[in-house]
Amino acid sequence: MGSFNFDNVPNLHTSSNNINPLDPGEFRRQGHMIIDFLADYYQTIEKYPVLSQVEPGYLQPRLPKSTPYNPEPIETILQDVHDHIVPGITHWQSPNFFAYFQCTSSIAGFLGEMLSTGFNVVGFNWVASPAATELETIVMDWLGEMLELPKSFLFSGNGGGVLQGTTCEAVLCTLVAARDQMLSRIGRENLVKLVVYASDQTHSALQKAAQIAGIHPKNFRAIKTCKSTSFALSPGSLRAQIREDVEAGLVPLFLCATVGTTSTTAVDPLGSLCDVAKDYGMWVHVDAAYAGSACICPEFRHFMDGVEGVNSISLNAHKWFLTTLDCCCLWVKDPSALIKSLSTNPEYLKNKATDSKQVVDYKDWQITLSRRFRSLKLWFVLRSYGVANP
């Protein structure tokens, strides 16, 4: 590797380019340009084909082979976005988009996201940014009350809520908590005996979570559903499968029921499934990622009947709830189960607030340490549109 010639490095201190990466004046100028660019994009979005028409590998020939050595103006960069990036976008915000789910956004969601990015706090524990933690506990109770969740899921009761990135994270966190809770009773050497249950309509996130959590692949049960029951999981079929597993010396661990499956929008009967799971001491999680927010409406609330019997429930505010990706809402009846499985306490994170046991440290409710100020955008949405509008 050759030596670097410092004579070729420009004198940044005398360069005409502003070297302050957060210069307020330049931030204001460029920020207005981005807003105008996006406003024009939304205004004309229907002129684009929803599905990108480019071929694999289209972008590399259009861009330089390496990073620009000298700074480039925002005008040039935005022109390239228009010319080269937009053609490669599948337009999820288009009113003509009907695949998967619409990644619904709104002015409120977008502005809340801007503030979150602008503050750029890393709220892993309370002391890192008290407002980030406390606002999250407040909005999770607000949204839980809108859904008429039992008080046992709220901070105002004995439970609590946390904002994850996606359902995949929420399912993994609850499955790990359930695993450790069970193994503390039967011994960690029995991990190979644990069984996870779901319907054949359940999102693949559960299977991935089971793999990560160390559940033996042969112990993942995707129970067959049928058209006559609208593809909902049958409590009878669940009980029959559990009995078969128990007779084989296995241990029922975790049931994932769904309110609005991805493939068929099936809704599993929560109450009767919980009755089965209770007989075997299983953790029940409800994946309401797709349809959960619709249950705020009184006419759809009955799809949540029986939720009082589950251990945890999650929904995606970035589906149907005017909030930008990513924003998955997870409520648990027993936060200590999450904390026991997911907490770490290195010396550099110790502080008086944590020691007081009077604060929430969300780092212990999730996979990662770092976390974004997601509650800000959800708060903007809730306040801007109110209970009546969503």
Protein backbone atom coordinates (compact mmCIF):
# COMPACT_ATOMS: atom_id res chain seq x y z
CA MET A 1 0.00 0.00 0.00
CA GLY A 2 1.52 3.33 -1.06
CA SER A 3 2.05 6.32 1.21
CA PHE A 4 -0.48 9.17 1.27
CA ASN A 5 0.66 12.53 -0.11
CA PHE A 6 -0.44 15.18 2.37
CA ASP A 7 0.50 17.89 -0.11
CA ASN A 8 -2.64 16.99 -2.06
CA VAL A 9 -5.00 17.52 0.88
CA PRO A 10 -6.87 20.83 0.54
CA ASN A 11 -6.57 23.35 3.35
CA LEU A 12 -10.02 22.91 4.81
CA HIS A 13 -9.71 25.93 7.05
CA THR A 14 -9.37 28.24 4.06
CA SER A 15 -11.71 26.33 1.75
CA SER A 16 -14.77 28.13 0.46
CA ASN A 17 -16.83 25.12 1.60
CA ASN A 18 -18.43 25.46 5.02
CA ILE A 19 -16.84 22.75 7.19
CA ASN A 20 -19.37 22.98 10.03
CA PRO A 21 -21.59 19.92 9.42
CA LEU A 22 -24.43 21.55 11.39
CA ASP A 23 -24.13 25.16 10.32
CA PRO A 24 -27.61 26.57 11.11
CA GLY A 25 -27.84 28.80 8.04
CA GLU A 26 -26.81 26.07 5.61
CA PHE A 27 -29.01 23.56 7.42
CA ARG A 28 -31.99 25.87 6.96
CA ARG A 29 -31.26 26.40 3.26
CA GLN A 30 -30.73 22.73 2.44
CA GLY A 31 -33.58 21.62 4.68
CA HIS A 32 -36.02 23.79 2.75
CA MET A 33 -34.74 22.26 -0.46
CA ILE A 34 -35.37 18.73 0.81
CA ILE A 35 -38.90 19.61 1.97
CA ASP A 36 -39.67 21.18 -1.40
CA PHE A 37 -38.24 18.13 -3.17
CA LEU A 38 -40.40 15.72 -1.14
CA ALA A 39 -43.51 17.89 -1.45
CA ASP A 40 -43.10 17.85 -5.24
CA TYR A 41 -42.54 14.08 -5.10
CA TYR A 42 -45.78 13.48 -3.20
CA GLN A 43 -47.66 15.85 -5.48
CA THR A 44 -46.59 13.94 -8.59
CA ILE A 45 -46.20 10.43 -7.16
CA GLU A 46 -48.99 8.94 -9.26
CA LYS A 47 -47.11 9.65 -12.46
CA TYR A 48 -44.59 6.94 -11.54
CA PRO A 49 -45.22 3.23 -12.04
CA VAL A 50 -45.64 1.78 -8.54
CA LEU A 51 -43.16 -1.02 -9.18
CA SER A 52 -39.69 0.15 -10.18
CA GLN A 53 -38.91 -0.71 -13.80
CA VAL A 54 -35.11 -0.91 -13.47
CA GLU A 55 -33.04 -4.05 -13.99
CA PRO A 56 -30.73 -5.61 -11.34
CA GLY A 57 -27.43 -3.73 -11.14
CA TYR A 58 -28.85 -0.61 -12.79
CA LEU A 59 -27.36 1.88 -10.34
CA GLN A 60 -23.62 1.19 -10.31
CA PRO A 61 -22.96 2.33 -13.92
CA ARG A 62 -24.83 5.57 -13.21
CA LEU A 63 -22.69 6.61 -10.23
CA PRO A 64 -18.96 7.38 -9.80
CA LYS A 65 -16.72 4.40 -9.10
CA SER A 66 -15.55 5.84 -5.77
CA THR A 67 -16.36 8.46 -3.15
CA PRO A 68 -15.97 12.05 -4.39
CA TYR A 69 -12.70 13.52 -3.12
CA ASN A 70 -14.04 17.07 -2.93
CA PRO A 71 -17.37 18.16 -1.45
CA GLU A 72 -20.32 18.35 -3.82
CA PRO A 73 -23.20 20.84 -3.56
CA ILE A 74 -26.62 19.73 -2.42
CA GLU A 75 -28.04 20.79 -5.78
CA THR A 76 -25.91 18.20 -7.58
CA ILE A 77 -26.76 15.49 -5.09
CA LEU A 78 -30.50 16.16 -5.31
CA GLN A 79 -30.35 16.12 -9.10
CA ASP A 80 -28.80 12.66 -8.88
CA VAL A 81 -31.54 11.58 -6.49
CA HIS A 82 -34.09 12.71 -9.07
CA ASP A 83 -32.30 11.16 -12.03
CA HIS A 84 -30.94 7.91 -10.56
CA ILE A 85 -32.54 7.07 -7.19
CA VAL A 86 -36.23 7.81 -7.82
CA PRO A 87 -36.35 5.48 -10.86
CA GLY A 88 -35.17 2.65 -8.60
CA ILE A 89 -37.81 3.21 -5.91
CA THR A 90 -40.92 1.11 -5.55
CA HIS A 91 -43.36 3.81 -4.47
CA TRP A 92 -44.86 2.54 -1.21
CA GLN A 93 -46.58 5.87 -0.56
CA SER A 94 -48.44 5.83 -3.87
CA PRO A 95 -52.23 5.53 -3.57
CA ASN A 96 -51.87 2.86 -6.27
CA PHE A 97 -49.67 0.64 -4.06
CA PHE A 98 -51.57 -2.49 -3.00
CA ALA A 99 -48.79 -5.00 -2.22
CA TYR A 100 -47.80 -6.13 1.30
CA PHE A 101 -48.99 -3.18 3.38
CA GLN A 102 -48.91 0.51 2.68
CA CYS A 103 -46.10 2.10 4.66
CA THR A 104 -48.48 4.83 5.73
CA SER A 105 -47.06 8.20 6.59
CA SER A 106 -48.43 11.64 7.36
CA ILE A 107 -47.30 15.20 7.89
CA ALA A 108 -47.30 14.58 11.65
CA GLY A 109 -45.33 11.36 11.35
CA PHE A 110 -42.82 12.96 9.03
CA LEU A 111 -42.32 16.04 11.21
CA GLY A 112 -41.94 13.91 14.33
CA GLU A 113 -39.33 11.85 12.50
CA MET A 114 -37.51 15.04 11.56
CA LEU A 115 -37.39 16.18 15.17
CA SER A 116 -36.23 12.75 16.30
CA THR A 117 -33.43 12.81 13.75
CA GLY A 118 -32.60 16.42 14.53
CA PHE A 119 -32.21 15.83 18.26
CA ASN A 120 -30.40 12.55 17.52
CA VAL A 121 -30.54 11.40 21.13
CA VAL A 122 -29.52 7.86 22.02
CA GLY A 123 -32.01 7.05 24.76
CA PHE A 124 -30.76 3.69 25.98
CA ASN A 125 -31.48 4.57 29.59
CA TRP A 126 -33.36 7.27 31.46
CA VAL A 127 -30.36 9.46 32.24
CA ALA A 128 -29.26 9.48 28.58
CA SER A 129 -32.37 11.55 27.76
CA PRO A 130 -35.15 11.59 30.36
CA ALA A 131 -37.72 13.05 27.92
CA ALA A 132 -37.16 10.22 25.43
CA THR A 133 -37.91 7.57 28.06
CA GLU A 134 -40.77 9.32 29.81
CA LEU A 135 -42.55 10.34 26.60
CA GLU A 136 -42.38 6.71 25.45
CA THR A 137 -44.01 5.45 28.63
CA ILE A 138 -46.74 8.08 28.24
CA VAL A 139 -47.58 7.44 24.58
CA MET A 140 -47.55 3.68 25.09
CA ASP A 141 -50.17 4.07 27.82
CA TRP A 142 -52.14 6.50 25.64
CA LEU A 143 -52.22 4.07 22.73
CA GLY A 144 -52.94 1.11 25.00
CA GLU A 145 -55.94 2.97 26.42
CA MET A 146 -57.14 3.75 22.88
CA LEU A 147 -57.07 0.01 22.18
CA GLU A 148 -58.84 -0.66 25.51
CA LEU A 149 -56.04 -2.97 26.59
CA PRO A 150 -56.41 -4.25 30.15
CA LYS A 151 -54.60 -2.09 32.69
CA SER A 152 -52.27 -5.04 33.34
CA PHE A 153 -50.47 -4.10 30.09
CA LEU A 154 -49.96 -0.44 30.99
CA PHE A 155 -47.47 1.44 33.14
CA SER A 156 -50.49 2.74 35.03
CA GLY A 157 -51.01 -0.90 35.99
CA ASN A 158 -48.25 -3.47 36.49
CA GLY A 159 -47.16 -3.83 32.86
CA GLY A 160 -45.70 -1.49 30.30
CA GLY A 161 -44.99 -0.75 26.66
CA VAL A 162 -41.91 -0.23 24.52
CA LEU A 163 -41.31 0.89 20.95
CA GLN A 164 -39.32 -1.63 18.95
CA GLY A 165 -38.22 -1.34 15.34
CA THR A 166 -40.31 -4.14 13.85
CA THR A 167 -42.47 -7.10 14.84
CA CYS A 168 -39.47 -9.39 14.28
CA GLU A 169 -37.76 -7.72 17.24
CA ALA A 170 -40.88 -7.76 19.40
CA VAL A 171 -41.48 -11.47 18.81
CA LEU A 172 -37.84 -12.35 19.47
CA CYS A 173 -37.74 -10.38 22.72
CA THR A 174 -40.89 -12.02 24.07
CA LEU A 175 -39.81 -15.48 22.94
CA VAL A 176 -36.45 -15.10 24.70
CA ALA A 177 -38.21 -13.92 27.85
CA ALA A 178 -40.57 -16.92 27.71
CA ARG A 179 -37.66 -19.30 27.06
CA ASP A 180 -35.64 -18.10 30.02
CA GLN A 181 -38.67 -18.08 32.28
CA MET A 182 -39.40 -21.71 31.41
CA LEU A 183 -35.79 -22.87 31.62
CA SER A 184 -35.45 -21.34 35.08
CA ARG A 185 -38.14 -23.84 36.14
CA ILE A 186 -37.12 -26.96 34.23
CA GLY A 187 -33.34 -26.44 33.82
CA ARG A 188 -31.36 -24.96 30.94
CA GLU A 189 -30.31 -28.42 29.79
CA ASN A 190 -33.91 -28.87 28.57
CA LEU A 191 -33.74 -26.20 25.87
CA VAL A 192 -33.95 -28.92 23.24
CA LYS A 193 -37.42 -29.90 24.54
CA LEU A 194 -39.10 -26.50 24.13
CA VAL A 195 -41.82 -26.21 21.49
CA VAL A 196 -43.19 -23.09 19.74
CA TYR A 197 -46.70 -23.04 18.23
CA ALA A 198 -48.47 -20.97 15.59
CA SER A 199 -50.76 -21.41 12.61
CA ASP A 200 -49.58 -22.01 9.08
CA GLN A 201 -50.64 -18.39 8.37
CA THR A 202 -48.34 -16.89 11.03
CA HIS A 203 -45.67 -14.49 9.84
CA SER A 204 -42.23 -15.98 9.20
CA ALA A 205 -40.85 -13.61 11.85
CA LEU A 206 -41.77 -16.22 14.46
CA GLN A 207 -39.79 -18.97 12.76
CA LYS A 208 -36.76 -16.70 12.50
CA ALA A 209 -37.10 -15.71 16.16
CA ALA A 210 -37.29 -19.39 17.15
CA GLN A 211 -34.09 -20.11 15.23
CA ILE A 212 -32.27 -17.23 16.90
CA ALA A 213 -33.58 -18.20 20.35
CA GLY A 214 -32.16 -21.72 19.98
CA ILE A 215 -35.43 -23.61 19.57
CA HIS A 216 -34.75 -26.89 17.78
CA PRO A 217 -36.06 -26.65 14.18
CA LYS A 218 -38.07 -29.85 14.67
CA ASN A 219 -39.90 -28.21 17.57
CA PHE A 220 -41.53 -25.43 15.55
CA ARG A 221 -45.22 -26.20 14.95
CA ALA A 222 -47.08 -24.46 12.10
CA ILE A 223 -50.55 -25.91 12.64
CA LYS A 224 -52.65 -26.32 9.52
CA THR A 225 -55.67 -24.05 9.07
CA CYS A 226 -58.54 -24.27 6.60
CA LYS A 227 -60.82 -22.05 4.58
CA SER A 228 -63.95 -23.08 6.51
CA THR A 229 -62.61 -21.28 9.62
CA SER A 230 -61.30 -18.30 7.61
CA PHE A 231 -57.78 -19.67 8.16
CA ALA A 232 -57.92 -18.97 11.91
CA LEU A 233 -56.01 -21.27 14.27
CA SER A 234 -58.32 -23.89 15.75
CA PRO A 235 -58.08 -24.32 19.56
CA GLY A 236 -58.91 -28.00 19.07
CA SER A 237 -56.05 -28.49 16.63
CA LEU A 238 -53.71 -26.65 18.99
CA ARG A 239 -54.68 -28.81 21.95
CA ALA A 240 -54.28 -32.00 19.94
CA GLN A 241 -50.78 -31.00 18.84
CA ILE A 242 -49.77 -30.02 22.37
CA ARG A 243 -50.99 -33.33 23.79
CA GLU A 244 -48.99 -35.19 21.19
CA ASP A 245 -45.86 -33.21 22.09
CA VAL A 246 -46.31 -33.68 25.84
CA GLU A 247 -46.69 -37.41 25.36
CA ALA A 248 -43.41 -37.36 23.44
CA GLY A 249 -41.67 -35.71 26.42
CA LEU A 250 -41.55 -32.20 24.95
CA VAL A 251 -42.39 -28.93 26.74
CA PRO A 252 -44.94 -26.46 25.27
CA LEU A 253 -43.41 -23.00 25.52
CA PHE A 254 -44.85 -20.27 23.32
CA LEU A 255 -47.94 -19.61 21.24
CA CYS A 256 -48.08 -16.77 18.72
CA ALA A 257 -51.66 -15.85 17.83
CA THR A 258 -52.33 -13.34 15.06
CA VAL A 259 -54.83 -10.54 14.55
CA GLY A 260 -54.64 -10.02 10.79
CA THR A 261 -52.24 -12.46 9.15
CA THR A 262 -50.17 -11.21 6.22
CA SER A 263 -51.36 -13.83 3.73
CA THR A 264 -55.08 -14.03 4.50
CA THR A 265 -55.86 -11.37 7.17
CA ALA A 266 -57.00 -14.24 9.41
CA VAL A 267 -57.84 -13.45 13.03
CA ASP A 268 -57.14 -16.14 15.60
CA PRO A 269 -59.65 -16.64 18.48
CA LEU A 270 -57.62 -15.23 21.35
CA GLY A 271 -59.85 -16.24 24.26
CA SER A 272 -60.20 -19.91 23.43
CA LEU A 273 -56.54 -20.23 22.44
CA CYS A 274 -55.51 -18.71 25.78
CA ASP A 275 -57.68 -21.28 27.57
CA VAL A 276 -55.62 -24.03 25.92
CA ALA A 277 -52.27 -22.36 26.57
CA LYS A 278 -53.12 -21.71 30.22
CA ASP A 279 -53.54 -25.44 30.83
CA TYR A 280 -49.88 -25.92 29.88
CA GLY A 281 -48.32 -22.77 31.36
CA MET A 282 -47.41 -21.33 27.96
CA TRP A 283 -46.54 -17.74 27.06
CA VAL A 284 -49.05 -16.28 24.57
CA HIS A 285 -48.01 -13.45 22.30
CA VAL A 286 -50.41 -11.66 19.94
CA ASP A 287 -48.97 -10.44 16.67
CA ALA A 288 -51.38 -7.67 15.66
CA ALA A 289 -48.83 -5.97 13.41
CA TYR A 290 -51.14 -5.59 10.45
CA ALA A 291 -54.63 -5.11 11.90
CA GLY A 292 -54.09 -4.12 15.52
CA SER A 293 -54.44 -0.39 15.00
CA ALA A 294 -57.84 -0.94 13.34
CA CYS A 295 -59.07 -2.29 16.67
CA ILE A 296 -59.11 1.26 18.02
CA CYS A 297 -62.38 1.56 16.09
CA PRO A 298 -65.28 0.32 18.27
CA GLU A 299 -66.69 -1.76 15.41
CA PHE A 300 -63.43 -3.75 15.19
CA ARG A 301 -62.57 -3.97 18.89
CA HIS A 302 -64.14 -7.44 19.16
CA PHE A 303 -61.16 -8.88 17.27
CA MET A 304 -59.20 -8.28 20.49
CA ASP A 305 -61.65 -10.21 22.66
CA GLY A 306 -59.68 -12.47 24.98
CA VAL A 307 -56.55 -10.28 25.00
CA GLU A 308 -56.70 -10.17 28.79
CA GLY A 309 -55.41 -13.76 28.79
CA VAL A 310 -52.22 -13.15 26.79
CA ASN A 311 -48.75 -12.24 28.05
CA SER A 312 -47.77 -9.76 25.35
CA ILE A 313 -49.12 -8.01 22.29
CA SER A 314 -47.55 -5.98 19.51
CA LEU A 315 -48.76 -3.87 16.58
CA ASN A 316 -47.03 -1.78 13.96
CA ALA A 317 -47.89 1.91 14.04
CA HIS A 318 -46.18 2.11 10.64
CA LYS A 319 -49.10 0.14 9.22
CA TRP A 320 -52.43 2.02 9.02
CA PHE A 321 -51.46 4.45 11.78
CA LEU A 322 -49.91 7.35 9.88
CA THR A 323 -46.47 6.79 11.40
CA THR A 324 -43.28 6.37 9.39
CA LEU A 325 -41.25 3.17 9.49
CA ASP A 326 -40.06 1.97 11.93
CA CYS A 327 -42.43 1.95 14.91
CA CYS A 328 -43.56 -1.34 16.47
CA CYS A 329 -45.52 -1.06 19.72
CA LEU A 330 -45.04 -3.90 22.22
CA TRP A 331 -46.90 -4.27 25.51
CA VAL A 332 -46.09 -6.86 28.17
CA LYS A 333 -47.82 -7.82 31.38
CA ASP A 334 -44.54 -8.65 33.12
CA PRO A 335 -41.73 -6.29 32.12
CA SER A 336 -39.40 -8.02 34.57
CA ALA A 337 -39.42 -11.09 32.30
CA LEU A 338 -37.96 -9.00 29.47
CA ILE A 339 -35.51 -7.27 31.77
CA LYS A 340 -34.17 -10.50 33.26
CA SER A 341 -33.41 -11.86 29.78
CA LEU A 342 -32.18 -8.72 28.04
CA SER A 343 -30.46 -6.54 30.65
CA THR A 344 -26.77 -5.79 30.99
CA ASN A 345 -25.21 -3.43 33.50
CA PRO A 346 -21.63 -2.46 32.59
CA GLU A 347 -19.82 0.08 34.73
CA TYR A 348 -20.05 2.83 32.10
CA LEU A 349 -23.86 2.71 32.17
CA LYS A 350 -24.31 2.77 35.95
CA ASN A 351 -25.99 5.88 37.38
CA LYS A 352 -28.00 7.02 40.38
CA ALA A 353 -31.33 7.09 38.53
CA THR A 354 -31.00 3.44 37.52
CA ASP A 355 -29.89 2.46 41.02
CA SER A 356 -32.99 4.16 42.46
CA LYS A 357 -35.23 1.65 40.58
CA GLN A 358 -37.63 4.53 39.91
CA VAL A 359 -36.97 4.86 36.17
CA VAL A 360 -37.34 2.76 33.04
CA ASP A 361 -34.13 1.86 31.19
CA TYR A 362 -35.38 0.76 27.78
CA LYS A 363 -32.04 -0.80 26.85
CA ASP A 364 -33.23 -3.75 28.95
CA TRP A 365 -36.47 -4.14 26.96
CA GLN A 366 -34.89 -4.71 23.54
CA ILE A 367 -32.11 -6.47 21.62
CA THR A 368 -29.88 -3.49 20.95
CA LEU A 369 -28.34 -1.00 23.35
CA SER A 370 -28.82 2.14 21.28
CA ARG A 371 -32.32 3.30 20.43
CA ARG A 372 -34.01 6.13 18.59
CA PHE A 373 -36.47 8.73 19.90
CA ARG A 374 -39.39 6.95 18.16
CA SER A 375 -41.99 8.11 20.67
CA LEU A 376 -41.69 11.66 19.34
CA LYS A 377 -43.25 10.80 15.98
CA LEU A 378 -45.96 8.65 17.56
CA TRP A 379 -46.74 11.52 19.96
CA PHE A 380 -47.02 13.91 17.00
CA VAL A 381 -49.46 11.55 15.28
CA LEU A 382 -51.61 11.04 18.37
CA ARG A 383 -51.79 14.77 19.09
CA SER A 384 -52.22 15.93 15.51
CA TYR A 385 -55.12 13.61 14.64
CA GLY A 386 -56.62 12.64 17.99
CA VAL A 387 -58.59 9.53 18.87
CA ALA A 388 -61.43 10.34 16.49
CA ASN A 389 -59.37 10.47 13.29
CA PRO A 390 -56.98 7.48 13.20
